[in-house]
C-alpha atoms as a PDB file:
ATOM      1  CA  MET A   1     133.872 -97.185 -41.487  1.00  0.00           C
ATOM      2  CA  THR A   2     131.076 -94.664 -41.176  1.00  0.00           C
ATOM      3  CA  VAL A   3     129.694 -92.308 -38.585  1.00  0.00           C
ATOM      4  CA  HIS A   4     126.114 -91.139 -38.419  1.00  0.00           C
ATOM      5  CA  ALA A   5     123.734 -88.976 -36.423  1.00  0.00           C
ATOM      6  CA  GLU A   6     120.082 -89.906 -36.337  1.00  0.00           C
ATOM      7  CA  ALA A   7     116.814 -88.774 -34.817  1.00  0.00           C
ATOM      8  CA  TYR A   8     113.908 -91.197 -34.634  1.00  0.00           C
ATOM      9  CA  VAL A   9     110.491 -91.632 -33.106  1.00  0.00           C
ATOM     10  CA  THR A  10     108.684 -94.895 -32.317  1.00  0.00           C
ATOM     11  CA  TYR A  11     104.989 -95.254 -31.567  1.00  0.00           C
ATOM     12  CA  ALA A  12     102.787 -98.372 -31.507  1.00  0.00           C
ATOM     13  CA  GLY A  13     105.344-100.378 -33.455  1.00  0.00           C
ATOM     14  CA  VAL A  14     105.913 -97.689 -36.129  1.00  0.00           C
ATOM     15  CA  ARG A  15     109.419 -96.237 -36.373  1.00  0.00           C
ATOM     16  CA  ALA A  16     110.396 -93.142 -38.392  1.00  0.00           C
ATOM     17  CA  SER A  17     113.932 -91.772 -38.617  1.00  0.00           C
ATOM     18  CA  VAL A  18     116.011 -89.065 -40.308  1.00  0.00           C
ATOM     19  CA  GLY A  19     119.761 -88.701 -40.206  1.00  0.00           C
ATOM     20  CA  ALA A  20     123.072 -88.231 -41.923  1.00  0.00           C
ATOM     21  CA  GLU A  21     125.889 -90.717 -42.498  1.00  0.00           C
ATOM     22  CA  ALA A  22     129.434 -89.901 -43.574  1.00  0.00           C
ATOM     23  CA  GLY A  23     132.250 -92.288 -44.532  1.00  0.00           C
ATOM     24  CA  PHE A  24     135.891 -92.467 -43.502  1.00  0.00           C
ATOM     25  CA  PHE A  25     139.042 -93.897 -45.157  1.00  0.00           C
ATOM     26  CA  GLY A  26     137.424 -94.321 -48.564  1.00  0.00           C
ATOM     27  CA  ALA A  27     134.148 -95.707 -47.302  1.00  0.00           C
ATOM     28  CA  GLU A  28     130.923 -94.097 -48.528  1.00  0.00           C
ATOM     29  CA  GLY A  29     128.080 -93.176 -46.266  1.00  0.00           C
ATOM     30  CA  ARG A  30     124.463 -92.744 -47.210  1.00  0.00           C
ATOM     31  CA  GLY A  31     124.597 -88.981 -46.809  1.00  0.00           C
ATOM     32  CA  LEU A  32     121.252 -87.545 -45.740  1.00  0.00           C
ATOM     33  CA  TYR A  33     118.579 -90.203 -45.332  1.00  0.00           C
ATOM     34  CA  ALA A  34     115.059 -90.736 -44.056  1.00  0.00           C
ATOM     35  CA  GLY A  35     113.206 -93.980 -43.448  1.00  0.00           C
ATOM     36  CA  GLY A  36     110.427 -95.766 -41.643  1.00  0.00           C
ATOM     37  CA  THR A  37     109.407 -99.239 -40.491  1.00  0.00           C
ATOM     38  CA  VAL A  38     105.808-100.398 -40.226  1.00  0.00           C
ATOM     39  CA  ALA A  39     104.898-104.001 -39.293  1.00  0.00           C
ATOM     40  CA  GLY A  40     108.298-105.242 -40.440  1.00  0.00           C
ATOM     41  CA  LEU A  41     108.235-103.410 -43.820  1.00  0.00           C
ATOM     42  CA  HIS A  42     111.117-100.947 -44.076  1.00  0.00           C
ATOM     43  CA  GLY A  43     111.601 -98.205 -46.644  1.00  0.00           C
ATOM     44  CA  GLU A  44     114.369 -95.604 -46.939  1.00  0.00           C
ATOM     45  CA  VAL A  45     115.468 -92.775 -49.176  1.00  0.00           C
ATOM     46  CA  SER A  46     119.096 -91.641 -49.012  1.00  0.00           C
ATOM     47  CA  GLN A  47     121.270 -89.067 -50.744  1.00  0.00           C
ATOM     48  CA  ARG A  48     123.710 -91.635 -52.139  1.00  0.00           C
ATOM     49  CA  ASP A  49     121.690 -94.861 -52.535  1.00  0.00           C
ATOM     50  CA  GLY A  50     118.321 -93.503 -53.611  1.00  0.00           C
ATOM     51  CA  GLY A  51     115.296 -95.509 -52.522  1.00  0.00           C
ATOM     52  CA  SER A  52     115.356 -98.966 -50.966  1.00  0.00           C
ATOM     53  CA  TRP A  53     112.947-101.227 -49.133  1.00  0.00           C
ATOM     54  CA  GLY A  54     112.823-104.577 -47.399  1.00  0.00           C
ATOM     55  CA  PHE A  55     110.715-106.759 -45.127  1.00  0.00           C
ATOM     56  CA  GLU A  56     111.608-108.542 -41.915  1.00  0.00           C
ATOM     57  CA  GLN A  57     109.213-110.051 -39.387  1.00  0.00           C
ATOM     58  CA  LYS A  58     109.669-112.128 -36.257  1.00  0.00           C
ATOM     59  CA  VAL A  59     106.763-114.101 -34.839  1.00  0.00           C
ATOM     60  CA  TYR A  60     106.835-115.745 -31.424  1.00  0.00           C
ATOM     61  CA  LEU A  61     104.491-118.425 -30.088  1.00  0.00           C
ATOM     62  CA  GLY A  62     103.949-118.509 -26.365  1.00  0.00           C
ATOM     63  CA  PHE A  63     101.540-117.876 -23.503  1.00  0.00           C
ATOM     64  CA  GLY A  64     100.609-114.546 -21.991  1.00  0.00           C
ATOM     65  CA  ASN A  65      98.171-112.556 -19.826  1.00  0.00           C
ATOM     66  CA  ASN A  66      96.904-110.539 -22.804  1.00  0.00           C
ATOM     67  CA  THR A  67      93.425-111.889 -23.523  1.00  0.00           C
ATOM     68  CA  GLY A  68      91.585-108.779 -22.346  1.00  0.00           C
ATOM     69  CA  ILE A  69      88.961-111.117 -20.832  1.00  0.00           C
ATOM     70  CA  ALA A  70      88.190-111.030 -17.121  1.00  0.00           C
ATOM     71  CA  ALA A  71      88.896-114.140 -15.049  1.00  0.00           C
ATOM     72  CA  ALA A  72      86.912-115.301 -12.009  1.00  0.00           C
ATOM     73  CA  ASP A  73      88.489-112.570  -9.862  1.00  0.00           C
ATOM     74  CA  GLY A  74      87.370-109.868 -12.332  1.00  0.00           C
ATOM     75  CA  LYS A  75      90.922-109.148 -13.549  1.00  0.00           C
ATOM     76  CA  THR A  76      91.993-109.625 -17.173  1.00  0.00           C
ATOM     77  CA  ILE A  77      95.596-110.315 -16.139  1.00  0.00           C
ATOM     78  CA  SER A  78      94.446-113.529 -14.422  1.00  0.00           C
ATOM     79  CA  LEU A  79      93.452-115.229 -17.680  1.00  0.00           C
ATOM     80  CA  VAL A  80      96.335-116.848 -19.584  1.00  0.00           C
ATOM     81  CA  SER A  81      96.074-117.915 -23.227  1.00  0.00           C
ATOM     82  CA  ALA A  82      98.257-119.095 -26.089  1.00  0.00           C
ATOM     83  CA  GLU A  83      99.300-116.192 -28.274  1.00  0.00           C
ATOM     84  CA  LEU A  84     101.225-115.138 -31.352  1.00  0.00           C
ATOM     85  CA  TRP A  85     103.425-112.118 -30.701  1.00  0.00           C
ATOM     86  CA  LEU A  86     104.720-109.803 -33.455  1.00  0.00           C
ATOM     87  CA  PRO A  87     107.158-107.382 -31.750  1.00  0.00           C
ATOM     88  CA  SER A  88     107.147-105.017 -34.735  1.00  0.00           C
ATOM     89  CA  LEU A  89     103.506-104.131 -33.975  1.00  0.00           C
ATOM     90  CA  GLY A  90     104.283-103.089 -30.417  1.00  0.00           C
ATOM     91  CA  GLU A  91     101.403-103.347 -27.968  1.00  0.00           C
ATOM     92  CA  PHE A  92      99.060-104.222 -30.843  1.00  0.00           C
ATOM     93  CA  GLY A  93     101.103-107.273 -31.821  1.00  0.00           C
ATOM     94  CA  HIS A  94      99.547-109.791 -29.402  1.00  0.00           C
ATOM     95  CA  PHE A  95      97.033-112.226 -30.925  1.00  0.00           C
ATOM     96  CA  THR A  96      95.514-114.730 -28.506  1.00  0.00           C
ATOM     97  CA  PHE A  97      93.827-117.997 -29.481  1.00  0.00           C
ATOM     98  CA  GLY A  98      92.656-121.275 -27.992  1.00  0.00           C
ATOM     99  CA  ASN A  99      91.426-121.947 -24.478  1.00  0.00           C
ATOM    100  CA  GLY A 100      91.891-119.469 -21.661  1.00  0.00           C
ATOM    101  CA  TYR A 101      93.463-120.640 -18.397  1.00  0.00           C
ATOM    102  CA  ASP A 102      92.070-118.916 -15.315  1.00  0.00           C
ATOM    103  CA  VAL A 103      95.002-118.643 -12.874  1.00  0.00           C
ATOM    104  CA  SER A 104      93.148-116.576 -10.284  1.00  0.00           C
ATOM    105  CA  SER A 105      92.639-118.237  -6.888  1.00  0.00           C
ATOM    106  CA  GLU A 106      88.899-118.387  -7.570  1.00  0.00           C
ATOM    107  CA  GLY A 107      89.392-119.835 -11.040  1.00  0.00           C
ATOM    108  CA  ILE A 108      91.885-122.465  -9.873  1.00  0.00           C
ATOM    109  CA  ARG A 109      89.559-123.574  -7.088  1.00  0.00           C
ATOM    110  CA  LYS A 110      86.614-123.908  -9.484  1.00  0.00           C
ATOM    111  CA  LYS A 111      88.662-125.864 -12.049  1.00  0.00           C
ATOM    112  CA  GLU A 112      90.080-128.198  -9.399  1.00  0.00           C
ATOM    113  CA  LEU A 113      86.687-129.040  -7.892  1.00  0.00           C
ATOM    114  CA  GLU A 114      85.097-129.556 -11.326  1.00  0.00           C
ATOM    115  CA  GLU A 115      87.899-131.929 -12.359  1.00  0.00           C
ATOM    116  CA  ASP A 116      87.606-133.921  -9.122  1.00  0.00           C
ATOM    117  CA  ILE A 117      83.843-134.280  -9.636  1.00  0.00           C
ATOM    118  CA  SER A 118      84.380-135.363 -13.256  1.00  0.00           C
ATOM    119  CA  ILE A 119      86.801-138.106 -12.155  1.00  0.00           C
ATOM    120  CA  LEU A 120      84.635-139.453  -9.312  1.00  0.00           C
ATOM    121  CA  GLN A 121      81.058-138.904 -10.458  1.00  0.00           C
ATOM    122  CA  ASN A 122      80.667-142.301 -12.145  1.00  0.00           C
ATOM    123  CA  SER A 123      81.924-144.290  -9.156  1.00  0.00           C
ATOM    124  CA  SER A 124      79.393-146.410  -7.257  1.00  0.00           C
ATOM    125  CA  ASN A 125      81.574-146.615  -4.151  1.00  0.00           C
ATOM    126  CA  PRO A 126      79.545-145.090  -1.274  1.00  0.00           C
ATOM    127  CA  GLU A 127      82.551-143.162   0.010  1.00  0.00           C
ATOM    128  CA  ASP A 128      83.194-141.704  -3.466  1.00  0.00           C
ATOM    129  CA  VAL A 129      79.532-140.713  -3.752  1.00  0.00           C
ATOM    130  CA  ALA A 130      79.821-138.879  -0.418  1.00  0.00           C
ATOM    131  CA  VAL A 131      83.012-137.155  -1.598  1.00  0.00           C
ATOM    132  CA  VAL A 132      81.281-135.967  -4.790  1.00  0.00           C
ATOM    133  CA  GLY A 133      78.495-134.502  -2.650  1.00  0.00           C
ATOM    134  CA  ARG A 134      81.038-132.586  -0.571  1.00  0.00           C
ATOM    135  CA  LEU A 135      82.831-131.378  -3.708  1.00  0.00           C
ATOM    136  CA  GLU A 136      79.566-130.092  -5.147  1.00  0.00           C
ATOM    137  CA  ALA A 137      78.858-128.216  -1.901  1.00  0.00           C
ATOM    138  CA  LEU A 138      82.327-126.632  -2.005  1.00  0.00           C
ATOM    139  CA  LEU A 139      81.828-125.685  -5.650  1.00  0.00           C
ATOM    140  CA  LYS A 140      78.472-124.078  -4.907  1.00  0.00           C
ATOM    141  CA  ASP A 141      79.795-121.952  -2.021  1.00  0.00           C
ATOM    142  CA  ASN A 142      83.088-120.248  -2.842  1.00  0.00           C
ATOM    143  CA  ASN A 143      83.422-119.109   0.775  1.00  0.00           C
ATOM    144  CA  GLU A 144      83.260-122.663   2.144  1.00  0.00           C
ATOM    145  CA  LYS A 145      86.765-123.634   3.230  1.00  0.00           C
ATOM    146  CA  ILE A 146      88.348-126.929   2.277  1.00  0.00           C
ATOM    147  CA  GLN A 147      89.422-128.694   5.476  1.00  0.00           C
ATOM    148  CA  THR A 148      92.210-131.206   5.955  1.00  0.00           C
ATOM    149  CA  ARG A 149      89.716-134.068   6.324  1.00  0.00           C
ATOM    150  CA  ASP A 150      88.143-133.037   3.000  1.00  0.00           C
ATOM    151  CA  PHE A 151      91.522-133.214   1.295  1.00  0.00           C
ATOM    152  CA  LEU A 152      92.290-136.623   2.853  1.00  0.00           C
ATOM    153  CA  ARG A 153      88.936-138.065   1.712  1.00  0.00           C
ATOM    154  CA  ILE A 154      89.375-136.641  -1.794  1.00  0.00           C
ATOM    155  CA  GLY A 155      92.910-138.045  -1.979  1.00  0.00           C
ATOM    156  CA  ARG A 156      91.732-141.534  -1.003  1.00  0.00           C
ATOM    157  CA  ALA A 157      88.939-141.345  -3.583  1.00  0.00           C
ATOM    158  CA  LEU A 158      91.377-140.319  -6.315  1.00  0.00           C
ATOM    159  CA  ARG A 159      93.656-143.262  -5.501  1.00  0.00           C
ATOM    160  CA  ARG A 160      90.678-145.630  -5.698  1.00  0.00           C
ATOM    161  CA  ASN A 161      89.882-144.261  -9.152  1.00  0.00           C
ATOM    162  CA  GLY A 162      93.189-144.636 -10.968  1.00  0.00           C
ATOM    163  CA  PHE A 163      95.320-141.790  -9.654  1.00  0.00           C
ATOM    164  CA  GLU A 164      98.560-141.768  -7.695  1.00  0.00           C
ATOM    165  CA  PRO A 165     100.370-139.114  -5.630  1.00  0.00           C
ATOM    166  CA  VAL A 166     103.423-137.348  -7.087  1.00  0.00           C
ATOM    167  CA  GLU A 167     106.334-136.506  -4.819  1.00  0.00           C
ATOM    168  CA  ARG A 168     107.068-132.756  -4.657  1.00  0.00           C
ATOM    169  CA  LEU A 169     110.024-131.603  -2.581  1.00  0.00           C
ATOM    170  CA  GLY A 170     109.648-128.681  -0.206  1.00  0.00           C
ATOM    171  CA  ASP A 171     106.692-126.781   1.168  1.00  0.00           C
ATOM    172  CA  HIS A 172     104.763-123.943  -0.439  1.00  0.00           C
ATOM    173  CA  ALA A 173     105.756-120.345   0.353  1.00  0.00           C
ATOM    174  CA  ASP A 174     102.908-120.034   2.863  1.00  0.00           C
ATOM    175  CA  GLY A 175     104.018-123.150   4.738  1.00  0.00           C
ATOM    176  CA  ALA A 176     101.469-125.536   3.218  1.00  0.00           C
ATOM    177  CA  THR A 177     102.552-128.985   2.057  1.00  0.00           C
ATOM    178  CA  LYS A 178     101.889-129.730  -1.613  1.00  0.00           C
ATOM    179  CA  PHE A 179     100.047-132.917  -2.617  1.00  0.00           C
ATOM    180  CA  THR A 180      99.848-133.599  -6.366  1.00  0.00           C
ATOM    181  CA  PHE A 181      98.037-136.437  -8.176  1.00  0.00           C
ATOM    182  CA  ARG A 182      98.441-137.867 -11.678  1.00  0.00           C
ATOM    183  CA  LYS A 183      97.094-140.887 -13.564  1.00  0.00           C
ATOM    184  CA  ALA A 184      98.631-144.025 -12.069  1.00  0.00           C
ATOM    185  CA  GLY A 185     101.604-145.324 -14.051  1.00  0.00           C
ATOM    186  CA  SER A 186     101.945-142.186 -16.181  1.00  0.00           C
ATOM    187  CA  ARG A 187     104.822-139.718 -16.342  1.00  0.00           C
ATOM    188  CA  GLU A 188     102.560-136.660 -16.288  1.00  0.00           C
ATOM    189  CA  TYR A 189     103.483-133.602 -14.240  1.00  0.00           C
ATOM    190  CA  GLY A 190     100.220-133.923 -12.316  1.00  0.00           C
ATOM    191  CA  GLN A 191      97.277-131.542 -12.600  1.00  0.00           C
ATOM    192  CA  ILE A 192      95.192-132.360  -9.509  1.00  0.00           C
ATOM    193  CA  GLU A 193      96.816-130.605  -6.552  1.00  0.00           C
ATOM    194  CA  PHE A 194      96.055-129.598  -2.969  1.00  0.00           C
ATOM    195  CA  MET A 195      97.921-127.491  -0.440  1.00  0.00           C
ATOM    196  CA  SER A 196      97.443-128.745   3.114  1.00  0.00           C
ATOM    197  CA  LYS A 197      98.120-127.149   6.493  1.00  0.00           C
ATOM    198  CA  VAL A 198      97.486-130.187   8.661  1.00  0.00           C
ATOM    199  CA  MET A 199      98.144-128.486  12.020  1.00  0.00           C
ATOM    200  CA  LYS A 200      95.548-125.807  11.223  1.00  0.00           C
ATOM    201  CA  ASP A 201      93.014-128.230   9.683  1.00  0.00           C
ATOM    202  CA  GLU A 202      93.121-126.207   6.453  1.00  0.00           C
ATOM    203  CA  ALA A 203      93.611-127.090   2.799  1.00  0.00           C
ATOM    204  CA  TYR A 204      93.081-125.388  -0.552  1.00  0.00           C
ATOM    205  CA  SER A 205      93.253-126.324  -4.211  1.00  0.00           C
ATOM    206  CA  SER A 206      96.065-125.489  -6.610  1.00  0.00           C
ATOM    207  CA  TYR A 207      95.215-126.950 -10.010  1.00  0.00           C
ATOM    208  CA  ASN A 208      98.003-127.276 -12.644  1.00  0.00           C
ATOM    209  CA  TYR A 209      96.804-126.546 -16.202  1.00  0.00           C
ATOM    210  CA  GLY A 210     100.111-127.702 -17.667  1.00  0.00           C
ATOM    211  CA  ASN A 211     100.680-131.452 -17.599  1.00  0.00           C
ATOM    212  CA  ASN A 212     104.383-131.422 -18.407  1.00  0.00           C
ATOM    213  CA  PHE A 213     107.166-129.231 -17.070  1.00  0.00           C
ATOM    214  CA  ILE A 214     107.217-126.819 -20.039  1.00  0.00           C
ATOM    215  CA  THR A 215     103.479-126.093 -20.121  1.00  0.00           C
ATOM    216  CA  TYR A 216     103.400-125.961 -16.313  1.00  0.00           C
ATOM    217  CA  PHE A 217     106.203-123.363 -16.325  1.00  0.00           C
ATOM    218  CA  LEU A 218     104.591-121.236 -19.056  1.00  0.00           C
ATOM    219  CA  ILE A 219     100.961-121.347 -17.914  1.00  0.00           C
ATOM    220  CA  ASP A 220     100.911-122.047 -14.199  1.00  0.00           C
ATOM    221  CA  TYR A 221     104.155-120.493 -12.977  1.00  0.00           C
ATOM    222  CA  LEU A 222     104.784-117.556 -15.324  1.00  0.00           C
ATOM    223  CA  GLY A 223     101.047-116.997 -15.847  1.00  0.00           C
ATOM    224  CA  TRP A 224     100.448-116.863 -12.104  1.00  0.00           C
ATOM    225  CA  LYS A 225     103.461-114.605 -11.558  1.00  0.00           C
ATOM    226  CA  GLY A 226     102.370-112.420 -14.478  1.00  0.00           C
ATOM    227  CA  ARG A 227      99.248-111.316 -12.615  1.00  0.00           C
ATOM    228  CA  GLY A 228     101.458-108.836 -10.772  1.00  0.00           C
ATOM    229  CA  TYR A 229      99.458-108.810  -7.548  1.00  0.00           C
END
């Protein structure tokens, strides 16, 4: 059993401390000691034990809004990327890699329209060709609103080209009904998605970067929430 008093300071993942430790009931404390931890490497000098050192590091793999790159809305917190996180390095311990996922409203719209065009552009069906033309017009003008009839035509075109709707329970927070599409016969989460307000003749895109529940939760849900606005 020991008791100790310590003063420490931590900055940017570096921790320095000084203190004193006394023992009770036959136990021995370190006496006066001083130590520091930098990037998981710890060193200490104490009155009783002399010098000692050790190394411990934890590395986490995940997704985060830490790329430092601006998304389509001009905000860096709207771009999600895979990252390695070393907590011992503090704010400097985030290392991003791989593709960035733009979860801004502008970025999601652009990605959704581009994916729809990619799926339908090789179809010779006259209706599909007309849908691609409308998609290209929407992609060119970010202020052009997607209407309910646009969504219905796009949905029919997707079904003609190997996609099927996915049932999603409940409406979106703004009252829109969610319509998700995935490759027919697959068990994918579904990346192609529209929100429709039929009574107002309005619709908008809501692309899912994750194609299973885990990646959807990490990228699309937490990434979108992580924007903080």
